[in-house]
Amino acid sequence: MKIIELKRNGDNMKMDIFGMMFFKMSKKHTKRILGYEAIHPFWHFFDLKAYMIMACMMGGGSGFRAAGIFPDIFIAFFYSELGCALA
């Protein structure tokens, strides 16, 4: 019973840390998007810096997988955990 409670506390702590890291960025993007007076194309939702970060993260992930740096079991758990975090 104690192990389950500790895990739940740890999960809550991770969510709190995640929230603190991205709350400021989320507020900035929300304020900018709500400030649009006309309809804009969908690619205007992020600024150049955000697109550059996404490109580096996606390129790095693809590069690591193609290079075989990480074993398949690590990739499987990583994508499973990433999917759970985004759900």
N, C-alpha and C. Protein backbone atom coordinates (compact mmCIF):
# COMPACT_ATOMS: atom_id res chain seq x y z
N MET A 1 0.82 -1.19 0.00
CA MET A 1 0.00 0.00 0.00
C MET A 1 0.87 1.26 0.00
N LYS A 2 1.93 1.27 0.75
CA LYS A 2 2.82 2.43 0.84
C LYS A 2 3.49 2.70 -0.51
N ILE A 3 3.85 1.63 -1.23
CA ILE A 3 4.53 1.80 -2.51
C ILE A 3 3.62 2.51 -3.50
N ILE A 4 2.34 2.14 -3.52
CA ILE A 4 1.39 2.77 -4.43
C ILE A 4 1.23 4.25 -4.07
N GLU A 5 1.15 4.55 -2.77
CA GLU A 5 1.01 5.95 -2.35
C GLU A 5 2.24 6.76 -2.74
N LEU A 6 3.43 6.19 -2.58
CA LEU A 6 4.65 6.89 -2.96
C LEU A 6 4.69 7.14 -4.46
N LYS A 7 4.27 6.15 -5.25
CA LYS A 7 4.24 6.32 -6.70
C LYS A 7 3.28 7.43 -7.09
N ARG A 8 2.10 7.46 -6.48
CA ARG A 8 1.15 8.53 -6.79
C ARG A 8 1.72 9.89 -6.43
N ASN A 9 2.40 9.99 -5.28
CA ASN A 9 3.01 11.26 -4.88
C ASN A 9 4.10 11.67 -5.87
N GLY A 10 4.87 10.70 -6.32
CA GLY A 10 5.91 10.98 -7.31
C GLY A 10 5.33 11.44 -8.63
N ASP A 11 4.23 10.81 -9.06
CA ASP A 11 3.57 11.22 -10.30
C ASP A 11 3.03 12.63 -10.17
N ASN A 12 2.44 12.96 -9.03
CA ASN A 12 1.94 14.32 -8.81
C ASN A 12 3.07 15.33 -8.84
N MET A 13 4.21 14.97 -8.26
CA MET A 13 5.35 15.88 -8.25
C MET A 13 5.84 16.11 -9.68
N LYS A 14 5.87 15.04 -10.51
CA LYS A 14 6.30 15.20 -11.90
C LYS A 14 5.37 16.13 -12.64
N MET A 15 4.07 15.99 -12.42
CA MET A 15 3.10 16.85 -13.09
C MET A 15 3.26 18.29 -12.63
N ASP A 16 3.54 18.51 -11.35
CA ASP A 16 3.75 19.86 -10.84
C ASP A 16 4.97 20.50 -11.50
N ILE A 17 6.05 19.75 -11.60
CA ILE A 17 7.28 20.26 -12.23
C ILE A 17 7.03 20.56 -13.70
N PHE A 18 6.36 19.62 -14.39
CA PHE A 18 6.03 19.82 -15.80
C PHE A 18 5.18 21.08 -15.97
N GLY A 19 4.18 21.23 -15.11
CA GLY A 19 3.32 22.40 -15.19
C GLY A 19 4.06 23.70 -14.98
N MET A 20 4.98 23.72 -14.02
CA MET A 20 5.76 24.93 -13.76
C MET A 20 6.64 25.28 -14.96
N MET A 21 7.21 24.26 -15.59
CA MET A 21 8.12 24.51 -16.71
C MET A 21 7.39 25.09 -17.91
N PHE A 22 6.20 24.61 -18.20
CA PHE A 22 5.53 24.98 -19.43
C PHE A 22 4.38 25.97 -19.25
N PHE A 23 4.04 26.33 -18.02
CA PHE A 23 2.93 27.25 -17.79
C PHE A 23 3.22 28.63 -18.38
N LYS A 24 4.42 29.14 -18.15
CA LYS A 24 4.78 30.46 -18.65
C LYS A 24 4.74 30.49 -20.18
N MET A 25 5.29 29.45 -20.80
CA MET A 25 5.28 29.39 -22.26
C MET A 25 3.85 29.27 -22.79
N SER A 26 3.04 28.49 -22.11
CA SER A 26 1.65 28.32 -22.52
C SER A 26 0.88 29.64 -22.43
N LYS A 27 1.10 30.38 -21.36
CA LYS A 27 0.44 31.69 -21.21
C LYS A 27 0.86 32.63 -22.33
N LYS A 28 2.15 32.63 -22.67
CA LYS A 28 2.66 33.51 -23.71
C LYS A 28 1.99 33.20 -25.06
N HIS A 29 1.93 31.93 -25.42
CA HIS A 29 1.33 31.55 -26.70
C HIS A 29 -0.17 31.81 -26.71
N THR A 30 -0.85 31.54 -25.60
CA THR A 30 -2.29 31.77 -25.52
C THR A 30 -2.60 33.26 -25.68
N LYS A 31 -1.83 34.10 -25.02
CA LYS A 31 -2.04 35.55 -25.11
C LYS A 31 -1.82 36.03 -26.55
N ARG A 32 -0.80 35.51 -27.20
CA ARG A 32 -0.51 35.91 -28.58
C ARG A 32 -1.62 35.46 -29.53
N ILE A 33 -2.08 34.22 -29.38
CA ILE A 33 -3.12 33.68 -30.26
C ILE A 33 -4.44 34.42 -30.05
N LEU A 34 -4.80 34.68 -28.80
CA LEU A 34 -6.05 35.38 -28.53
C LEU A 34 -5.99 36.84 -28.99
N GLY A 35 -4.79 37.38 -29.15
CA GLY A 35 -4.63 38.75 -29.61
C GLY A 35 -4.80 38.92 -31.11
N TYR A 36 -4.89 37.83 -31.86
CA TYR A 36 -5.10 37.93 -33.30
C TYR A 36 -6.46 38.55 -33.58
N GLU A 37 -6.49 39.52 -34.46
CA GLU A 37 -7.75 40.17 -34.79
C GLU A 37 -8.39 39.54 -36.03
N ALA A 38 -7.63 38.92 -36.86
CA ALA A 38 -8.15 38.29 -38.07
C ALA A 38 -7.79 36.80 -38.05
N ILE A 39 -8.37 36.07 -38.97
CA ILE A 39 -8.06 34.64 -39.08
C ILE A 39 -6.69 34.48 -39.74
N HIS A 40 -5.84 33.69 -39.11
CA HIS A 40 -4.49 33.45 -39.61
C HIS A 40 -4.34 31.98 -39.95
N PRO A 41 -3.37 31.65 -40.81
CA PRO A 41 -3.10 30.24 -41.09
C PRO A 41 -2.63 29.52 -39.83
N PHE A 42 -2.80 28.20 -39.80
CA PHE A 42 -2.48 27.43 -38.60
C PHE A 42 -1.02 27.53 -38.19
N TRP A 43 -0.11 27.79 -39.12
CA TRP A 43 1.31 27.82 -38.74
C TRP A 43 1.69 29.09 -37.99
N HIS A 44 0.78 30.00 -37.82
CA HIS A 44 1.06 31.21 -37.04
C HIS A 44 0.83 31.01 -35.54
N PHE A 45 0.46 29.80 -35.13
CA PHE A 45 0.21 29.55 -33.71
C PHE A 45 1.49 29.54 -32.89
N PHE A 46 2.61 29.21 -33.51
CA PHE A 46 3.89 29.21 -32.80
C PHE A 46 4.83 30.21 -33.44
N ASP A 47 5.80 30.67 -32.68
CA ASP A 47 6.79 31.57 -33.23
C ASP A 47 7.96 30.75 -33.79
N LEU A 48 8.91 31.43 -34.39
CA LEU A 48 10.04 30.75 -35.04
C LEU A 48 10.83 29.91 -34.03
N LYS A 49 11.03 30.45 -32.84
CA LYS A 49 11.80 29.72 -31.82
C LYS A 49 11.15 28.37 -31.50
N ALA A 50 9.83 28.34 -31.38
CA ALA A 50 9.13 27.09 -31.07
C ALA A 50 9.29 26.09 -32.21
N TYR A 51 9.19 26.56 -33.45
CA TYR A 51 9.37 25.66 -34.60
C TYR A 51 10.80 25.13 -34.66
N MET A 52 11.77 25.95 -34.32
CA MET A 52 13.17 25.49 -34.32
C MET A 52 13.39 24.42 -33.25
N ILE A 53 12.80 24.61 -32.07
CA ILE A 53 12.91 23.62 -31.01
C ILE A 53 12.28 22.30 -31.45
N MET A 54 11.09 22.38 -32.06
CA MET A 54 10.42 21.16 -32.54
C MET A 54 11.26 20.46 -33.60
N ALA A 55 11.84 21.22 -34.52
CA ALA A 55 12.65 20.61 -35.58
C ALA A 55 13.88 19.91 -34.99
N CYS A 56 14.52 20.53 -34.02
CA CYS A 56 15.69 19.91 -33.37
C CYS A 56 15.30 18.65 -32.62
N MET A 57 14.20 18.70 -31.90
CA MET A 57 13.77 17.53 -31.13
C MET A 57 13.38 16.38 -32.07
N MET A 58 12.63 16.69 -33.12
CA MET A 58 12.21 15.64 -34.05
C MET A 58 13.40 15.10 -34.84
N GLY A 59 14.27 15.99 -35.27
CA GLY A 59 15.46 15.55 -36.00
C GLY A 59 16.39 14.73 -35.12
N GLY A 60 16.55 15.16 -33.88
CA GLY A 60 17.40 14.40 -32.95
C GLY A 60 16.83 13.02 -32.67
N GLY A 61 15.52 12.96 -32.45
CA GLY A 61 14.89 11.66 -32.19
C GLY A 61 15.02 10.72 -33.37
N SER A 62 14.77 11.25 -34.57
CA SER A 62 14.91 10.42 -35.77
C SER A 62 16.36 9.99 -35.97
N GLY A 63 17.27 10.91 -35.71
CA GLY A 63 18.69 10.58 -35.86
C GLY A 63 19.15 9.50 -34.88
N PHE A 64 18.73 9.61 -33.62
CA PHE A 64 19.09 8.59 -32.63
C PHE A 64 18.54 7.23 -33.00
N ARG A 65 17.29 7.21 -33.48
CA ARG A 65 16.69 5.91 -33.87
C ARG A 65 17.42 5.33 -35.07
N ALA A 66 17.72 6.16 -36.07
CA ALA A 66 18.39 5.67 -37.28
C ALA A 66 19.81 5.19 -36.98
N ALA A 67 20.47 5.86 -36.04
CA ALA A 67 21.85 5.50 -35.70
C ALA A 67 21.92 4.26 -34.82
N GLY A 68 20.80 3.87 -34.23
CA GLY A 68 20.79 2.69 -33.37
C GLY A 68 21.52 2.90 -32.05
N ILE A 69 21.56 4.13 -31.59
CA ILE A 69 22.27 4.45 -30.35
C ILE A 69 21.58 3.81 -29.14
N PHE A 70 20.24 3.84 -29.15
CA PHE A 70 19.47 3.29 -28.03
C PHE A 70 18.86 1.95 -28.43
N PRO A 71 18.81 1.00 -27.50
CA PRO A 71 18.20 -0.30 -27.81
C PRO A 71 16.69 -0.17 -28.02
N ASP A 72 16.11 -1.12 -28.75
CA ASP A 72 14.68 -1.08 -29.06
C ASP A 72 13.81 -1.06 -27.81
N ILE A 73 14.23 -1.75 -26.76
CA ILE A 73 13.41 -1.78 -25.53
C ILE A 73 13.32 -0.39 -24.91
N PHE A 74 14.40 0.38 -24.97
CA PHE A 74 14.38 1.76 -24.48
C PHE A 74 13.42 2.61 -25.31
N ILE A 75 13.48 2.46 -26.62
CA ILE A 75 12.59 3.22 -27.52
C ILE A 75 11.14 2.88 -27.22
N ALA A 76 10.84 1.59 -27.02
CA ALA A 76 9.47 1.17 -26.75
C ALA A 76 8.94 1.79 -25.46
N PHE A 77 9.73 1.75 -24.40
CA PHE A 77 9.29 2.35 -23.14
C PHE A 77 9.22 3.87 -23.24
N PHE A 78 10.16 4.47 -23.95
CA PHE A 78 10.17 5.93 -24.08
C PHE A 78 8.89 6.42 -24.76
N TYR A 79 8.53 5.80 -25.88
CA TYR A 79 7.33 6.23 -26.60
C TYR A 79 6.07 5.91 -25.81
N SER A 80 6.07 4.81 -25.08
CA SER A 80 4.91 4.49 -24.25
C SER A 80 4.72 5.54 -23.16
N GLU A 81 5.79 5.90 -22.48
CA GLU A 81 5.72 6.91 -21.42
C GLU A 81 5.39 8.29 -21.99
N LEU A 82 5.94 8.61 -23.15
CA LEU A 82 5.63 9.89 -23.77
C LEU A 82 4.16 9.97 -24.14
N GLY A 83 3.61 8.88 -24.66
CA GLY A 83 2.19 8.84 -24.99
C GLY A 83 1.32 8.99 -23.76
N CYS A 84 1.70 8.34 -22.67
CA CYS A 84 0.93 8.47 -21.42
C CYS A 84 0.99 9.89 -20.88
N ALA A 85 2.15 10.53 -20.99
CA ALA A 85 2.30 11.89 -20.49
C ALA A 85 1.47 12.87 -21.32
N LEU A 86 1.31 12.60 -22.59
CA LEU A 86 0.56 13.51 -23.45
C LEU A 86 -0.93 13.25 -23.42
N ALA A 87 -1.32 12.12 -22.86
CA ALA A 87 -2.76 11.78 -22.85
C ALA A 87 -3.52 12.56 -21.80
